[in-house]
C-alpha atoms as a PDB file:
ATOM      1  CA  MET A   1      23.199  29.541   4.472  1.00  0.00           C
ATOM      2  CA  ARG A   2      24.638  29.152   0.983  1.00  0.00           C
ATOM      3  CA  SER A   3      25.992  25.691   1.808  1.00  0.00           C
ATOM      4  CA  ARG A   4      22.554  24.577   2.998  1.00  0.00           C
ATOM      5  CA  VAL A   5      20.966  25.709  -0.272  1.00  0.00           C
ATOM      6  CA  ILE A   6      23.625  23.865  -2.288  1.00  0.00           C
ATOM      7  CA  PHE A   7      23.113  20.730  -0.185  1.00  0.00           C
ATOM      8  CA  LEU A   8      19.343  20.925  -0.678  1.00  0.00           C
ATOM      9  CA  LEU A   9      19.707  21.333  -4.438  1.00  0.00           C
ATOM     10  CA  LEU A  10      22.077  18.374  -4.604  1.00  0.00           C
ATOM     11  CA  PHE A  11      19.685  16.248  -2.573  1.00  0.00           C
ATOM     12  CA  VAL A  12      16.719  17.148  -4.820  1.00  0.00           C
ATOM     13  CA  SER A  13      18.831  16.451  -7.917  1.00  0.00           C
ATOM     14  CA  ILE A  14      19.856  13.003  -6.640  1.00  0.00           C
ATOM     15  CA  ILE A  15      16.265  12.080  -5.814  1.00  0.00           C
ATOM     16  CA  THR A  16      15.078  13.263  -9.233  1.00  0.00           C
ATOM     17  CA  ILE A  17      17.770  11.232 -11.013  1.00  0.00           C
ATOM     18  CA  LEU A  18      16.850   8.139  -9.023  1.00  0.00           C
ATOM     19  CA  LEU A  19      13.150   8.520  -9.715  1.00  0.00           C
ATOM     20  CA  PHE A  20      13.602   8.805 -13.462  1.00  0.00           C
ATOM     21  CA  SER A  21      16.397   6.274 -13.845  1.00  0.00           C
ATOM     22  CA  PRO A  22      16.099   2.550 -14.674  1.00  0.00           C
ATOM     23  CA  LEU A  23      17.144   1.845 -11.068  1.00  0.00           C
ATOM     24  CA  ILE A  24      13.594   2.488  -9.884  1.00  0.00           C
ATOM     25  CA  SER A  25      12.390  -0.324 -12.158  1.00  0.00           C
ATOM     26  CA  TYR A  26      14.670  -2.802 -10.411  1.00  0.00           C
ATOM     27  CA  LEU A  27      13.571  -1.408  -7.067  1.00  0.00           C
ATOM     28  CA  LEU A  28       9.897  -1.974  -7.878  1.00  0.00           C
ATOM     29  CA  LYS A  29      10.306  -5.382  -9.446  1.00  0.00           C
ATOM     30  CA  ASP A  30      13.006  -6.945  -7.273  1.00  0.00           C
ATOM     31  CA  LEU A  31      13.319  -5.251  -3.902  1.00  0.00           C
ATOM     32  CA  VAL A  32       9.597  -4.624  -3.398  1.00  0.00           C
ATOM     33  CA  ILE A  33       8.514  -8.086  -4.549  1.00  0.00           C
ATOM     34  CA  SER A  34      11.148  -9.774  -2.375  1.00  0.00           C
ATOM     35  CA  LYS A  35       9.930  -7.783   0.639  1.00  0.00           C
ATOM     36  CA  LEU A  36       6.368  -8.926  -0.041  1.00  0.00           C
ATOM     37  CA  GLU A  37       7.490 -12.545  -0.404  1.00  0.00           C
ATOM     38  CA  ASN A  38       9.214 -12.428   2.970  1.00  0.00           C
ATOM     39  CA  ALA A  39       6.266 -10.730   4.686  1.00  0.00           C
ATOM     40  CA  LEU A  40       3.675 -13.120   3.243  1.00  0.00           C
ATOM     41  CA  ASP A  41       5.877 -16.240   3.308  1.00  0.00           C
ATOM     42  CA  MET A  42       4.924 -16.876  -0.323  1.00  0.00           C
ATOM     43  CA  ASN A  43       6.584 -17.087  -3.714  1.00  0.00           C
ATOM     44  CA  ILE A  44       5.321 -14.398  -6.089  1.00  0.00           C
ATOM     45  CA  VAL A  45       5.297 -15.105  -9.828  1.00  0.00           C
ATOM     46  CA  LEU A  46       4.980 -12.170 -12.203  1.00  0.00           C
ATOM     47  CA  GLY A  47       3.627 -12.138 -15.735  1.00  0.00           C
ATOM     48  CA  GLU A  48       4.407  -9.455 -18.292  1.00  0.00           C
ATOM     49  CA  THR A  49       5.487  -6.246 -16.596  1.00  0.00           C
ATOM     50  CA  GLN A  50       5.371  -2.656 -17.753  1.00  0.00           C
ATOM     51  CA  PHE A  51       7.069   0.245 -16.005  1.00  0.00           C
ATOM     52  CA  ARG A  52       5.509   3.676 -15.997  1.00  0.00           C
ATOM     53  CA  LEU A  53       8.116   6.033 -14.664  1.00  0.00           C
ATOM     54  CA  PRO A  54       8.835   7.241 -12.181  1.00  0.00           C
ATOM     55  CA  THR A  55       7.216   4.927  -9.611  1.00  0.00           C
ATOM     56  CA  LYS A  56       4.523   2.767 -11.209  1.00  0.00           C
ATOM     57  CA  LEU A  57       4.540  -0.877 -12.203  1.00  0.00           C
ATOM     58  CA  SER A  58       1.792  -2.789 -14.062  1.00  0.00           C
ATOM     59  CA  ILE A  59       1.675  -6.591 -14.253  1.00  0.00           C
ATOM     60  CA  SER A  60      -0.574  -8.528 -16.626  1.00  0.00           C
ATOM     61  CA  ASP A  61      -0.704 -11.615 -14.361  1.00  0.00           C
ATOM     62  CA  ILE A  62       0.432 -12.155 -10.794  1.00  0.00           C
ATOM     63  CA  LYS A  63       0.357 -15.258  -8.592  1.00  0.00           C
ATOM     64  CA  ALA A  64       1.292 -15.802  -4.957  1.00  0.00           C
ATOM     65  CA  ILE A  65       2.067 -19.404  -4.005  1.00  0.00           C
ATOM     66  CA  ASP A  66       2.216 -20.737  -0.448  1.00  0.00           C
ATOM     67  CA  LYS A  67       3.289 -24.223   0.659  1.00  0.00           C
ATOM     68  CA  TYR A  68      -0.253 -25.499   0.035  1.00  0.00           C
ATOM     69  CA  GLY A  69      -0.495 -24.254  -3.548  1.00  0.00           C
ATOM     70  CA  THR A  70      -1.573 -21.126  -5.438  1.00  0.00           C
ATOM     71  CA  ALA A  71      -3.133 -18.823  -2.847  1.00  0.00           C
ATOM     72  CA  PHE A  72      -3.705 -15.596  -4.787  1.00  0.00           C
ATOM     73  CA  VAL A  73      -4.253 -14.872  -8.474  1.00  0.00           C
ATOM     74  CA  ALA A  74      -4.909 -11.553 -10.227  1.00  0.00           C
ATOM     75  CA  LYS A  75      -5.218 -10.968 -13.962  1.00  0.00           C
ATOM     76  CA  LYS A  76      -3.868  -7.451 -13.618  1.00  0.00           C
ATOM     77  CA  ALA A  77      -2.045  -5.578 -10.876  1.00  0.00           C
ATOM     78  CA  ASP A  78      -0.940  -1.950 -10.620  1.00  0.00           C
ATOM     79  CA  PHE A  79       1.533  -0.765  -7.987  1.00  0.00           C
ATOM     80  CA  LYS A  80       2.626   2.743  -7.092  1.00  0.00           C
ATOM     81  CA  LEU A  81       5.608   3.101  -4.772  1.00  0.00           C
ATOM     82  CA  ASP A  82       5.786   5.761  -2.048  1.00  0.00           C
ATOM     83  CA  VAL A  83       9.475   6.592  -2.576  1.00  0.00           C
ATOM     84  CA  PRO A  84      10.128   8.897   0.443  1.00  0.00           C
ATOM     85  CA  LYS A  85       9.176   6.083   2.837  1.00  0.00           C
ATOM     86  CA  ILE A  86      12.039   3.952   1.532  1.00  0.00           C
ATOM     87  CA  PHE A  87      14.394   6.222   3.458  1.00  0.00           C
ATOM     88  CA  THR A  88      12.627   5.142   6.665  1.00  0.00           C
ATOM     89  CA  ALA A  89      13.173   1.426   5.852  1.00  0.00           C
ATOM     90  CA  CYS A  90       9.521   1.088   4.851  1.00  0.00           C
ATOM     91  CA  ILE A  91       7.947  -0.178   1.619  1.00  0.00           C
ATOM     92  CA  ALA A  92       4.538   1.412   0.975  1.00  0.00           C
ATOM     93  CA  LEU A  93       2.543   0.553  -2.153  1.00  0.00           C
ATOM     94  CA  ASP A  94      -0.776   1.780  -3.466  1.00  0.00           C
ATOM     95  CA  CYS A  95      -2.154  -1.412  -5.034  1.00  0.00           C
ATOM     96  CA  GLU A  96      -5.008  -2.149  -7.392  1.00  0.00           C
ATOM     97  CA  PHE A  97      -5.850  -5.672  -8.576  1.00  0.00           C
ATOM     98  CA  GLN A  98      -8.335  -6.850 -11.191  1.00  0.00           C
ATOM     99  CA  ASN A  99     -10.031 -10.284 -11.443  1.00  0.00           C
ATOM    100  CA  VAL A 100      -8.785 -11.654  -8.129  1.00  0.00           C
ATOM    101  CA  GLU A 101      -9.086 -15.215  -6.802  1.00  0.00           C
ATOM    102  CA  LEU A 102      -8.256 -16.344  -3.262  1.00  0.00           C
ATOM    103  CA  LYS A 103      -7.461 -20.061  -3.161  1.00  0.00           C
ATOM    104  CA  SER A 104      -5.607 -22.730  -1.198  1.00  0.00           C
ATOM    105  CA  LYS A 105      -5.135 -22.008   2.513  1.00  0.00           C
ATOM    106  CA  MET A 106      -6.760 -18.575   2.161  1.00  0.00           C
ATOM    107  CA  SER A 107     -10.045 -20.004   0.886  1.00  0.00           C
ATOM    108  CA  LYS A 108      -9.984 -22.831   3.457  1.00  0.00           C
ATOM    109  CA  SER A 109      -9.473 -20.325   6.271  1.00  0.00           C
ATOM    110  CA  LEU A 110     -12.410 -18.227   5.041  1.00  0.00           C
ATOM    111  CA  ASN A 111     -14.546 -21.368   4.683  1.00  0.00           C
ATOM    112  CA  ASN A 112     -13.802 -22.358   8.288  1.00  0.00           C
ATOM    113  CA  THR A 113     -14.609 -18.842   9.504  1.00  0.00           C
ATOM    114  CA  LEU A 114     -17.875 -18.464   7.584  1.00  0.00           C
ATOM    115  CA  LYS A 115     -19.214 -22.031   7.824  1.00  0.00           C
ATOM    116  CA  PRO A 116     -20.806 -21.525  11.291  1.00  0.00           C
ATOM    117  CA  LEU A 117     -22.759 -18.639   9.757  1.00  0.00           C
ATOM    118  CA  GLY A 118     -24.270 -20.886   7.091  1.00  0.00           C
ATOM    119  CA  VAL A 119     -22.092 -19.662   4.216  1.00  0.00           C
ATOM    120  CA  LEU A 120     -21.532 -22.387   1.638  1.00  0.00           C
ATOM    121  CA  PRO A 121     -17.880 -23.458   1.203  1.00  0.00           C
ATOM    122  CA  GLN A 122     -16.105 -21.985  -1.811  1.00  0.00           C
ATOM    123  CA  ASP A 123     -13.302 -23.472  -3.895  1.00  0.00           C
ATOM    124  CA  SER A 124     -12.119 -19.901  -4.424  1.00  0.00           C
ATOM    125  CA  TYR A 125     -13.266 -16.434  -3.409  1.00  0.00           C
ATOM    126  CA  ASP A 126     -13.551 -14.230  -6.504  1.00  0.00           C
ATOM    127  CA  PHE A 127     -13.430 -10.440  -6.694  1.00  0.00           C
ATOM    128  CA  ASP A 128     -13.747  -8.149  -9.685  1.00  0.00           C
ATOM    129  CA  SER A 129     -11.369  -5.672  -8.084  1.00  0.00           C
ATOM    130  CA  ALA A 130      -9.381  -5.110  -4.919  1.00  0.00           C
ATOM    131  CA  ARG A 131      -7.424  -2.057  -3.842  1.00  0.00           C
ATOM    132  CA  GLY A 132      -5.598  -0.763  -0.807  1.00  0.00           C
ATOM    133  CA  THR A 133      -2.300   0.536   0.562  1.00  0.00           C
ATOM    134  CA  MET A 134       0.174  -2.181   1.475  1.00  0.00           C
ATOM    135  CA  THR A 135       2.944  -1.446   3.995  1.00  0.00           C
ATOM    136  CA  VAL A 136       5.941  -3.648   4.763  1.00  0.00           C
ATOM    137  CA  LYS A 137       8.565  -2.750   7.326  1.00  0.00           C
ATOM    138  CA  LYS A 138      10.558  -4.541   9.987  1.00  0.00           C
ATOM    139  CA  GLY A 139       8.169  -6.518  12.150  1.00  0.00           C
ATOM    140  CA  LEU A 140       4.986  -5.335  10.407  1.00  0.00           C
ATOM    141  CA  PHE A 141       2.810  -6.147   7.408  1.00  0.00           C
ATOM    142  CA  ALA A 142      -0.352  -4.055   6.929  1.00  0.00           C
ATOM    143  CA  ILE A 143      -3.079  -3.345   4.400  1.00  0.00           C
ATOM    144  CA  ASN A 144      -5.001  -0.106   4.890  1.00  0.00           C
ATOM    145  CA  ASP A 145      -8.072   1.279   3.132  1.00  0.00           C
ATOM    146  CA  LEU A 146      -8.775  -2.185   1.750  1.00  0.00           C
ATOM    147  CA  ASN A 147     -11.760  -2.443  -0.572  1.00  0.00           C
ATOM    148  CA  ALA A 148     -12.608  -5.607  -2.519  1.00  0.00           C
ATOM    149  CA  GLU A 149     -15.804  -6.228  -4.497  1.00  0.00           C
ATOM    150  CA  GLY A 150     -17.071  -9.387  -6.148  1.00  0.00           C
ATOM    151  CA  PRO A 151     -20.357 -10.985  -7.218  1.00  0.00           C
ATOM    152  CA  TYR A 152     -20.863 -12.844  -3.919  1.00  0.00           C
ATOM    153  CA  PHE A 153     -18.446 -11.272  -1.424  1.00  0.00           C
ATOM    154  CA  LYS A 154     -17.245  -7.789  -0.544  1.00  0.00           C
ATOM    155  CA  PHE A 155     -14.958  -6.654   2.228  1.00  0.00           C
ATOM    156  CA  SER A 156     -13.329  -3.464   3.417  1.00  0.00           C
ATOM    157  CA  GLY A 157     -11.251  -2.189   6.311  1.00  0.00           C
ATOM    158  CA  ASP A 158      -7.715  -2.358   7.701  1.00  0.00           C
ATOM    159  CA  MET A 159      -5.497  -5.321   8.601  1.00  0.00           C
ATOM    160  CA  ALA A 160      -2.085  -5.476  10.278  1.00  0.00           C
ATOM    161  CA  ARG A 161       0.101  -8.333  11.514  1.00  0.00           C
ATOM    162  CA  THR A 162       3.361  -8.210  13.449  1.00  0.00           C
ATOM    163  CA  ASP A 163       6.211 -10.721  13.579  1.00  0.00           C
ATOM    164  CA  ASN A 164       5.151 -11.809  17.061  1.00  0.00           C
ATOM    165  CA  THR A 165       1.771 -12.949  15.584  1.00  0.00           C
ATOM    166  CA  GLU A 166      -0.230 -10.055  17.070  1.00  0.00           C
ATOM    167  CA  VAL A 167      -2.916  -8.641  14.785  1.00  0.00           C
ATOM    168  CA  ASP A 168      -5.020  -5.514  14.435  1.00  0.00           C
ATOM    169  CA  TYR A 169      -8.016  -6.252  12.212  1.00  0.00           C
ATOM    170  CA  ASP A 170     -11.004  -4.005  11.606  1.00  0.00           C
ATOM    171  CA  ILE A 171     -13.024  -5.515   8.758  1.00  0.00           C
ATOM    172  CA  GLU A 172     -16.524  -5.448   7.299  1.00  0.00           C
ATOM    173  CA  PHE A 173     -17.740  -8.423   5.219  1.00  0.00           C
ATOM    174  CA  ASN A 174     -20.717  -8.351   2.863  1.00  0.00           C
ATOM    175  CA  ILE A 175     -22.080 -11.730   1.782  1.00  0.00           C
ATOM    176  CA  ASN A 176     -24.628 -12.324  -0.982  1.00  0.00           C
ATOM    177  CA  SER A 177     -27.629 -14.441   0.000  1.00  0.00           C
ATOM    178  CA  GLU A 178     -26.981 -16.705  -3.021  1.00  0.00           C
ATOM    179  CA  VAL A 179     -24.049 -18.357  -1.192  1.00  0.00           C
ATOM    180  CA  VAL A 180     -25.878 -18.813   2.121  1.00  0.00           C
ATOM    181  CA  ALA A 181     -27.508 -22.168   2.917  1.00  0.00           C
ATOM    182  CA  LEU A 182     -31.301 -21.965   2.901  1.00  0.00           C
ATOM    183  CA  ASN A 183     -31.898 -24.777   5.405  1.00  0.00           C
ATOM    184  CA  GLN A 184     -30.394 -23.117   8.475  1.00  0.00           C
ATOM    185  CA  ASN A 185     -32.391 -23.868  11.617  1.00  0.00           C
ATOM    186  CA  TYR A 186     -30.942 -20.902  13.521  1.00  0.00           C
ATOM    187  CA  PRO A 187     -29.483 -18.510  10.971  1.00  0.00           C
ATOM    188  CA  LEU A 188     -27.125 -15.925  12.402  1.00  0.00           C
ATOM    189  CA  LEU A 189     -27.232 -13.851   9.237  1.00  0.00           C
ATOM    190  CA  ILE A 190     -30.183 -11.513   8.834  1.00  0.00           C
ATOM    191  CA  ASP A 191     -30.788  -9.469   5.700  1.00  0.00           C
ATOM    192  CA  GLU A 192     -31.784  -6.296   7.540  1.00  0.00           C
ATOM    193  CA  ASP A 193     -31.929  -4.127   4.412  1.00  0.00           C
ATOM    194  CA  LYS A 194     -33.739  -6.759   2.307  1.00  0.00           C
ATOM    195  CA  ASP A 195     -31.264  -6.154  -0.500  1.00  0.00           C
ATOM    196  CA  GLY A 196     -29.892  -9.699  -0.650  1.00  0.00           C
ATOM    197  CA  TRP A 197     -26.646  -8.898   1.178  1.00  0.00           C
ATOM    198  CA  TYR A 198     -25.660  -9.786   4.747  1.00  0.00           C
ATOM    199  CA  THR A 199     -23.211  -7.686   6.742  1.00  0.00           C
ATOM    200  CA  ILE A 200     -20.614  -8.905   9.242  1.00  0.00           C
ATOM    201  CA  LYS A 201     -18.369  -6.560  11.209  1.00  0.00           C
ATOM    202  CA  TYR A 202     -15.269  -8.010  12.803  1.00  0.00           C
ATOM    203  CA  SER A 203     -12.500  -6.445  14.880  1.00  0.00           C
ATOM    204  CA  VAL A 204      -9.704  -8.098  16.864  1.00  0.00           C
ATOM    205  CA  LYS A 205      -6.529  -6.730  18.437  1.00  0.00           C
ATOM    206  CA  GLY A 206      -3.607  -8.563  20.045  1.00  0.00           C
ATOM    207  CA  ASP A 207      -2.945 -12.298  20.011  1.00  0.00           C
ATOM    208  CA  PRO A 208      -5.872 -13.813  18.032  1.00  0.00           C
ATOM    209  CA  ARG A 209      -5.885 -16.853  20.365  1.00  0.00           C
ATOM    210  CA  LYS A 210      -6.380 -14.569  23.375  1.00  0.00           C
ATOM    211  CA  PRO A 211      -7.162 -11.115  22.016  1.00  0.00           C
ATOM    212  CA  ALA A 212      -6.857  -7.935  24.022  1.00  0.00           C
ATOM    213  CA  SER A 213     -10.116  -6.769  22.439  1.00  0.00           C
ATOM    214  CA  PHE A 214     -12.688  -8.402  20.191  1.00  0.00           C
ATOM    215  CA  PHE A 215     -15.871  -7.300  18.402  1.00  0.00           C
ATOM    216  CA  PHE A 216     -18.222  -9.240  16.139  1.00  0.00           C
ATOM    217  CA  SER A 217     -21.666  -8.250  14.891  1.00  0.00           C
ATOM    218  CA  THR A 218     -24.198  -9.542  12.378  1.00  0.00           C
ATOM    219  CA  GLY A 219     -27.979  -9.469  12.102  1.00  0.00           C
ATOM    220  CA  GLY A 220     -28.417  -7.485  15.314  1.00  0.00           C
ATOM    221  CA  ILE A 221     -26.174  -9.861  17.311  1.00  0.00           C
ATOM    222  CA  GLU A 222     -23.076  -8.408  18.946  1.00  0.00           C
ATOM    223  CA  LEU A 223     -20.191 -10.064  20.764  1.00  0.00           C
ATOM    224  CA  LYS A 224     -17.639  -7.904  22.533  1.00  0.00           C
ATOM    225  CA  ARG A 225     -14.566  -8.305  24.631  1.00  0.00           C
ATOM    226  CA  ILE A 226     -13.124  -5.059  25.922  1.00  0.00           C
ATOM    227  CA  PRO A 227      -9.836  -4.948  27.856  1.00  0.00           C
ATOM    228  CA  ALA A 228     -10.170  -4.119  31.540  1.00  0.00           C
ATOM    229  CA  ARG A 229      -9.115  -0.662  32.570  1.00  0.00           C
ATOM    230  CA  GLU A 230      -5.937  -0.359  34.539  1.00  0.00           C
ATOM    231  CA  GLU A 231      -6.422   1.005  38.031  1.00  0.00           C
END
Protein backbone atom coordinates (compact mmCIF):
# COMPACT_ATOMS: atom_id res chain seq x y z
CA MET A 1 0.00 0.00 0.00
CA ARG A 2 2.80 2.37 0.95
CA SER A 3 4.65 1.68 -2.31
CA ARG A 4 1.52 2.52 -4.31
CA VAL A 5 1.18 5.86 -2.53
CA ILE A 6 4.85 6.67 -3.18
CA PHE A 7 4.46 5.71 -6.84
CA LEU A 8 1.36 7.90 -7.17
CA LEU A 9 3.12 10.87 -5.57
CA LEU A 10 6.10 10.44 -7.88
CA PHE A 11 3.82 10.25 -10.91
CA VAL A 12 1.94 13.43 -9.89
CA SER A 13 5.25 15.20 -9.23
CA ILE A 14 6.62 14.27 -12.67
CA ILE A 15 3.46 15.46 -14.41
CA THR A 16 3.51 18.73 -12.47
CA ILE A 17 7.16 19.36 -13.36
CA LEU A 18 6.46 18.68 -17.02
CA LEU A 19 3.45 20.97 -17.10
CA PHE A 20 5.31 23.91 -15.61
CA SER A 21 8.62 23.38 -17.38
CA PRO A 22 9.81 24.95 -20.66
CA LEU A 23 9.42 21.49 -22.24
CA ILE A 24 5.68 22.05 -22.62
CA SER A 25 6.42 25.11 -24.77
CA TYR A 26 8.39 23.00 -27.22
CA LEU A 27 5.64 20.39 -27.13
CA LEU A 28 2.98 22.96 -28.05
CA LYS A 29 4.99 24.75 -30.69
CA ASP A 30 6.87 21.89 -32.35
CA LEU A 31 5.24 18.53 -31.74
CA VAL A 32 1.64 19.76 -31.95
CA ILE A 33 2.21 21.93 -35.03
CA SER A 34 4.07 19.13 -36.82
CA LYS A 35 1.19 16.75 -36.08
CA LEU A 36 -1.26 19.25 -37.56
CA GLU A 37 0.92 19.72 -40.65
CA ASN A 38 0.97 15.98 -41.27
CA ALA A 39 -2.78 15.60 -40.71
CA LEU A 40 -3.70 18.53 -42.96
CA ASP A 41 -0.92 18.01 -45.52
CA MET A 42 -0.04 21.70 -45.17
CA ASN A 43 2.86 23.85 -44.05
CA ILE A 44 1.97 25.98 -41.02
CA VAL A 45 3.71 29.33 -40.55
CA LEU A 46 3.56 30.96 -37.13
CA GLY A 47 3.85 34.63 -36.26
CA GLU A 48 4.79 35.93 -32.83
CA THR A 49 4.07 33.35 -30.16
CA GLN A 50 3.39 33.72 -26.46
CA PHE A 51 3.27 30.85 -23.98
CA ARG A 52 0.91 30.94 -21.04
CA LEU A 53 1.91 28.10 -18.79
CA PRO A 54 1.14 25.40 -18.29
CA THR A 55 -0.64 24.41 -21.53
CA LYS A 56 -1.66 27.48 -23.53
CA LEU A 57 -0.15 29.02 -26.63
CA SER A 58 -1.18 32.29 -28.33
CA ILE A 59 -0.08 33.24 -31.86
CA SER A 60 -0.46 36.71 -33.34
CA ASP A 61 -0.60 35.42 -36.94
CA ILE A 62 -0.95 31.93 -38.34
CA LYS A 63 -1.01 30.67 -41.93
CA ALA A 64 -1.56 27.21 -43.38
CA ILE A 65 -0.22 26.71 -46.91
CA ASP A 66 -1.18 23.84 -49.22
CA LYS A 67 0.31 23.04 -52.64
CA TYR A 68 -2.10 25.52 -54.25
CA GLY A 69 -1.19 28.47 -52.04
CA THR A 70 -2.25 30.01 -48.72
CA ALA A 71 -5.35 28.09 -47.62
CA PHE A 72 -5.99 29.42 -44.11
CA VAL A 73 -5.14 32.70 -42.40
CA ALA A 74 -5.96 33.88 -38.87
CA LYS A 75 -4.84 37.12 -37.24
CA LYS A 76 -4.86 35.51 -33.82
CA ALA A 77 -4.99 31.93 -32.58
CA ASP A 78 -5.21 30.49 -29.07
CA PHE A 79 -4.53 26.83 -28.34
CA LYS A 80 -4.99 24.87 -25.14
CA LEU A 81 -3.50 21.38 -24.99
CA ASP A 82 -5.26 18.46 -23.30
CA VAL A 83 -2.11 16.98 -21.72
CA PRO A 84 -3.48 13.64 -20.37
CA LYS A 85 -4.47 12.59 -23.90
CA ILE A 86 -0.83 12.74 -25.00
CA PHE A 87 -0.28 9.53 -23.05
CA THR A 88 -2.81 7.83 -25.35
CA ALA A 89 -0.91 8.97 -28.49
CA CYS A 90 -3.53 11.64 -29.13
CA ILE A 91 -3.17 15.41 -29.61
CA ALA A 92 -6.31 17.29 -28.51
CA LEU A 93 -6.47 21.09 -28.71
CA ASP A 94 -9.14 23.57 -27.74
CA CYS A 95 -8.73 26.18 -30.48
CA GLU A 96 -9.99 29.71 -30.95
CA PHE A 97 -9.19 31.80 -34.03
CA GLN A 98 -9.89 35.46 -34.77
CA ASN A 99 -10.23 37.14 -38.20
CA VAL A 100 -10.13 33.96 -40.28
CA GLU A 101 -9.89 33.65 -44.07
CA LEU A 102 -10.32 30.43 -46.07
CA LYS A 103 -8.58 30.67 -49.44
CA SER A 104 -7.01 28.61 -52.22
CA LYS A 105 -8.36 25.07 -52.59
CA MET A 106 -10.62 25.49 -49.55
CA SER A 107 -12.50 28.43 -51.07
CA LYS A 108 -12.68 26.74 -54.49
CA SER A 109 -14.15 23.60 -52.91
CA LEU A 110 -16.78 25.66 -51.09
CA ASN A 111 -17.55 27.59 -54.29
CA ASN A 112 -18.11 24.34 -56.19
CA THR A 113 -20.35 23.01 -53.40
CA LEU A 114 -22.47 26.15 -53.03
CA LYS A 115 -22.67 27.26 -56.68
CA PRO A 116 -25.63 24.96 -57.54
CA LEU A 117 -27.53 26.66 -54.71
CA GLY A 118 -27.06 30.10 -56.26
CA VAL A 119 -24.35 31.28 -53.86
CA LEU A 120 -21.99 33.74 -55.53
CA PRO A 121 -18.35 32.57 -55.76
CA GLN A 122 -16.01 34.02 -53.15
CA ASP A 123 -12.29 34.75 -53.42
CA SER A 124 -12.11 33.95 -49.71
CA TYR A 125 -14.54 32.97 -46.98
CA ASP A 126 -14.15 35.34 -44.02
CA PHE A 127 -15.08 34.73 -40.39
CA ASP A 128 -14.79 37.01 -37.39
CA SER A 129 -14.14 34.02 -35.14
CA ALA A 130 -13.91 30.25 -35.24
CA ARG A 131 -13.57 27.81 -32.37
CA GLY A 132 -13.65 24.09 -31.77
CA THR A 133 -11.76 21.09 -30.39
CA MET A 134 -9.21 19.64 -32.79
CA THR A 135 -8.09 16.01 -32.39
CA VAL A 136 -5.18 14.34 -34.16
CA LYS A 137 -4.25 10.71 -33.65
CA LYS A 138 -3.11 7.82 -35.79
CA GLY A 139 -5.48 7.49 -38.72
CA LEU A 140 -7.85 10.28 -37.63
CA PHE A 141 -8.24 14.05 -37.85
CA ALA A 142 -11.37 15.57 -36.30
CA ILE A 143 -12.88 18.91 -35.33
CA ASN A 144 -15.69 18.79 -32.78
CA ASP A 145 -18.01 21.51 -31.49
CA LEU A 146 -17.02 23.69 -34.43
CA ASN A 147 -18.55 27.16 -34.48
CA ALA A 148 -17.54 29.83 -37.00
CA GLU A 149 -19.28 33.18 -37.53
CA GLY A 150 -18.76 35.80 -40.20
CA PRO A 151 -20.67 38.60 -41.94
CA TYR A 152 -21.92 36.37 -44.78
CA PHE A 153 -21.34 32.77 -43.65
CA LYS A 154 -21.70 30.78 -40.45
CA PHE A 155 -21.22 27.09 -39.83
CA SER A 156 -21.26 24.69 -36.93
CA GLY A 157 -21.05 20.97 -36.25
CA ASP A 158 -18.53 18.11 -36.22
CA MET A 159 -16.12 16.85 -38.89
CA ALA A 160 -13.84 13.80 -38.95
CA ARG A 161 -11.63 12.24 -41.62
CA THR A 162 -9.66 9.00 -41.53
CA ASP A 163 -6.52 8.00 -43.43
CA ASN A 164 -8.56 5.73 -45.69
CA THR A 165 -10.52 8.83 -46.90
CA GLU A 166 -13.71 7.97 -44.99
CA VAL A 167 -15.49 10.94 -43.43
CA ASP A 168 -18.08 11.65 -40.76
CA TYR A 169 -19.52 15.13 -41.30
CA ASP A 170 -22.50 16.66 -39.53
CA ILE A 171 -22.61 20.35 -40.42
CA GLU A 172 -25.03 23.27 -40.52
CA PHE A 173 -24.34 26.20 -42.89
CA ASN A 174 -25.94 29.63 -42.62
CA ILE A 175 -25.67 31.85 -45.69
CA ASN A 176 -26.54 35.55 -45.84
CA SER A 177 -28.90 36.55 -48.64
CA GLU A 178 -26.42 39.26 -49.73
CA VAL A 179 -24.17 36.61 -51.33
CA VAL A 180 -26.99 34.73 -53.08
CA ALA A 181 -27.73 35.47 -56.75
CA LEU A 182 -31.05 37.26 -57.21
CA ASN A 183 -31.77 35.94 -60.71
CA GLN A 184 -32.24 32.27 -59.84
CA ASN A 185 -35.05 30.67 -61.84
CA TYR A 186 -35.47 27.78 -59.40
CA PRO A 187 -33.86 28.82 -56.12
CA LEU A 188 -33.18 25.97 -53.73
CA LEU A 189 -32.57 28.34 -50.84
CA ILE A 190 -35.63 29.65 -49.04
CA ASP A 191 -35.46 32.24 -46.28
CA GLU A 192 -38.01 30.53 -44.04
CA ASP A 193 -37.48 32.87 -41.08
CA LYS A 194 -37.39 36.04 -43.22
CA ASP A 195 -34.27 37.15 -41.36
CA GLY A 196 -31.98 37.29 -44.40
CA TRP A 197 -30.18 34.02 -43.64
CA TYR A 198 -30.55 30.66 -45.39
CA THR A 199 -29.90 27.37 -43.61
CA ILE A 200 -28.34 24.22 -45.06
CA LYS A 201 -27.92 21.01 -43.08
CA TYR A 202 -25.48 18.44 -44.38
CA SER A 203 -24.43 15.03 -43.07
CA VAL A 204 -22.36 12.31 -44.74
CA LYS A 205 -20.68 9.18 -43.39
CA GLY A 206 -18.29 6.75 -45.09
CA ASP A 207 -16.61 7.17 -48.46
CA PRO A 208 -17.86 10.56 -49.78
CA ARG A 209 -17.94 9.15 -53.34
CA LYS A 210 -20.29 6.37 -52.21
CA PRO A 211 -21.42 7.25 -48.69
CA ALA A 212 -22.93 4.78 -46.28
CA SER A 213 -25.42 7.48 -45.27
CA PHE A 214 -26.22 10.95 -46.56
CA PHE A 215 -28.54 13.79 -45.53
CA PHE A 216 -29.05 17.23 -47.07
CA SER A 217 -31.78 19.76 -46.36
CA THR A 218 -32.54 23.37 -47.24
CA GLY A 219 -35.70 25.40 -47.74
CA GLY A 220 -38.00 22.48 -46.94
CA ILE A 221 -36.19 20.15 -49.39
CA GLU A 222 -34.64 16.99 -47.99
CA LEU A 223 -32.42 14.36 -49.59
CA LYS A 224 -31.60 11.21 -47.66
CA ARG A 225 -29.71 8.02 -48.15
CA ILE A 226 -29.96 5.61 -45.25
CA PRO A 227 -27.97 2.35 -45.17
CA ALA A 228 -30.03 -0.80 -45.57
CA ARG A 229 -30.57 -2.85 -42.47
CA GLU A 230 -28.74 -6.12 -42.23
CA GLU A 231 -31.01 -9.14 -42.10
